[in-house]
C-alpha atoms as a PDB file:
ATOM      1  CA  MET A   1       0.000   0.000   0.000  1.00  0.00           C
ATOM      2  CA  SER A   2       1.463   3.378  -0.963  1.00  0.00           C
ATOM      3  CA  MET A   3       1.407   6.379   1.307  1.00  0.00           C
ATOM      4  CA  LYS A   4      -0.104   9.743   0.347  1.00  0.00           C
ATOM      5  CA  PRO A   5       2.519  12.473  -0.175  1.00  0.00           C
ATOM      6  CA  GLU A   6       1.113  14.557   2.686  1.00  0.00           C
ATOM      7  CA  GLN A   7       1.478  11.655   5.121  1.00  0.00           C
ATOM      8  CA  LEU A   8       4.952  10.876   3.828  1.00  0.00           C
ATOM      9  CA  VAL A   9       6.057  14.485   4.380  1.00  0.00           C
ATOM     10  CA  LYS A  10       4.588  14.456   7.886  1.00  0.00           C
ATOM     11  CA  GLU A  11       6.583  11.337   8.759  1.00  0.00           C
ATOM     12  CA  ILE A  12       9.790  12.553   7.108  1.00  0.00           C
ATOM     13  CA  LEU A  13       9.663  15.784   9.116  1.00  0.00           C
ATOM     14  CA  GLN A  14       9.844  13.657  12.272  1.00  0.00           C
ATOM     15  CA  LEU A  15      13.240  12.246  11.255  1.00  0.00           C
ATOM     16  CA  PRO A  16      16.502  13.625  12.659  1.00  0.00           C
ATOM     17  CA  ILE A  17      17.938  16.504  10.656  1.00  0.00           C
ATOM     18  CA  GLN A  18      20.808  14.411   9.239  1.00  0.00           C
ATOM     19  CA  GLN A  19      18.368  11.913   7.747  1.00  0.00           C
ATOM     20  CA  ARG A  20      16.163  14.699   6.357  1.00  0.00           C
ATOM     21  CA  ALA A  21      19.225  16.332   4.752  1.00  0.00           C
ATOM     22  CA  PHE A  22      20.207  12.997   3.197  1.00  0.00           C
ATOM     23  CA  LEU A  23      16.693  12.509   1.793  1.00  0.00           C
ATOM     24  CA  ALA A  24      16.582  16.078   0.474  1.00  0.00           C
ATOM     25  CA  GLU A  25      19.881  15.565  -1.329  1.00  0.00           C
ATOM     26  CA  LYS A  26      18.687  12.294  -2.889  1.00  0.00           C
ATOM     27  CA  LEU A  27      15.384  13.863  -3.983  1.00  0.00           C
ATOM     28  CA  LEU A  28      17.192  16.763  -5.656  1.00  0.00           C
ATOM     29  CA  GLU A  29      19.534  14.339  -7.421  1.00  0.00           C
ATOM     30  CA  SER A  30      16.504  12.478  -8.772  1.00  0.00           C
ATOM     31  CA  LEU A  31      15.028  15.501 -10.562  1.00  0.00           C
ATOM     32  CA  ASP A  32      15.289  15.665 -14.338  1.00  0.00           C
ATOM     33  CA  PHE A  33      16.739  19.076 -15.118  1.00  0.00           C
ATOM     34  CA  THR A  34      16.931  18.303 -18.832  1.00  0.00           C
ATOM     35  CA  GLN A  35      13.251  19.088 -19.366  1.00  0.00           C
ATOM     36  CA  ASP A  36      12.443  22.411 -20.974  1.00  0.00           C
ATOM     37  CA  PHE A  37      11.205  25.047 -18.577  1.00  0.00           C
ATOM     38  CA  GLN A  38      10.735  28.791 -18.648  1.00  0.00           C
ATOM     39  CA  LEU A  39      12.736  31.077 -16.391  1.00  0.00           C
ATOM     40  CA  THR A  40      11.017  34.105 -14.974  1.00  0.00           C
ATOM     41  CA  LYS A  41      12.520  37.519 -15.645  1.00  0.00           C
ATOM     42  CA  GLU A  42      13.587  37.718 -11.992  1.00  0.00           C
ATOM     43  CA  TRP A  43      15.474  34.410 -12.132  1.00  0.00           C
ATOM     44  CA  SER A  44      17.143  35.365 -15.408  1.00  0.00           C
ATOM     45  CA  GLU A  45      18.345  38.612 -13.817  1.00  0.00           C
ATOM     46  CA  GLU A  46      19.553  36.755 -10.718  1.00  0.00           C
ATOM     47  CA  ILE A  47      21.513  34.269 -12.834  1.00  0.00           C
ATOM     48  CA  LYS A  48      23.065  37.101 -14.839  1.00  0.00           C
ATOM     49  CA  ARG A  49      24.027  38.959 -11.636  1.00  0.00           C
ATOM     50  CA  ARG A  50      25.632  35.871 -10.117  1.00  0.00           C
ATOM     51  CA  CYS A  51      27.556  35.082 -13.308  1.00  0.00           C
ATOM     52  CA  GLU A  52      28.882  38.642 -13.398  1.00  0.00           C
ATOM     53  CA  GLU A  53      30.013  38.340  -9.759  1.00  0.00           C
ATOM     54  CA  ILE A  54      31.848  35.124 -10.627  1.00  0.00           C
ATOM     55  CA  ASP A  55      33.464  36.645 -13.730  1.00  0.00           C
ATOM     56  CA  LYS A  56      34.652  39.682 -11.731  1.00  0.00           C
ATOM     57  CA  GLY A  57      36.054  37.501  -8.944  1.00  0.00           C
ATOM     58  CA  LEU A  58      33.735  39.028  -6.354  1.00  0.00           C
ATOM     59  CA  VAL A  59      32.620  35.691  -4.937  1.00  0.00           C
ATOM     60  CA  GLU A  60      34.386  32.510  -3.912  1.00  0.00           C
ATOM     61  CA  LEU A  61      33.106  29.332  -5.529  1.00  0.00           C
ATOM     62  CA  ILE A  62      32.905  26.347  -3.199  1.00  0.00           C
ATOM     63  CA  PRO A  63      32.656  22.795  -4.566  1.00  0.00           C
ATOM     64  CA  ALA A  64      29.370  21.073  -3.682  1.00  0.00           C
ATOM     65  CA  GLU A  65      31.240  18.217  -1.988  1.00  0.00           C
ATOM     66  CA  ASP A  66      32.817  20.710   0.425  1.00  0.00           C
ATOM     67  CA  VAL A  67      29.472  22.360   1.144  1.00  0.00           C
ATOM     68  CA  PHE A  68      27.761  19.042   1.886  1.00  0.00           C
ATOM     69  CA  GLU A  69      30.687  17.816   3.998  1.00  0.00           C
ATOM     70  CA  LYS A  70      30.596  20.974   6.117  1.00  0.00           C
ATOM     71  CA  ALA A  71      26.801  20.784   6.443  1.00  0.00           C
ATOM     72  CA  TYR A  72      26.894  17.145   7.556  1.00  0.00           C
ATOM     73  CA  LYS A  73      29.597  17.934  10.136  1.00  0.00           C
ATOM     74  CA  GLN A  74      27.550  20.823  11.527  1.00  0.00           C
ATOM     75  CA  LEU A  75      24.410  18.709  11.677  1.00  0.00           C
ATOM     76  CA  GLY A  76      25.902  16.026  13.726  1.00  0.00           C
END
């Protein structure tokens, strides 16, 4: 018997934060970002702004592995 999404979310939110973070990461990895989708004007402007900051060296890029490692250490 499958569980309704609302019930599943309710149960997942009861898990410890480390397990919720793990599930969130796996869910994001499962999304298909190859499908066509429309960006809003606001998101297009945000992407352009961030790219300009990167090109000008105004921000430090951090590899995802480092971000997740630090997050997992802080969570427990």
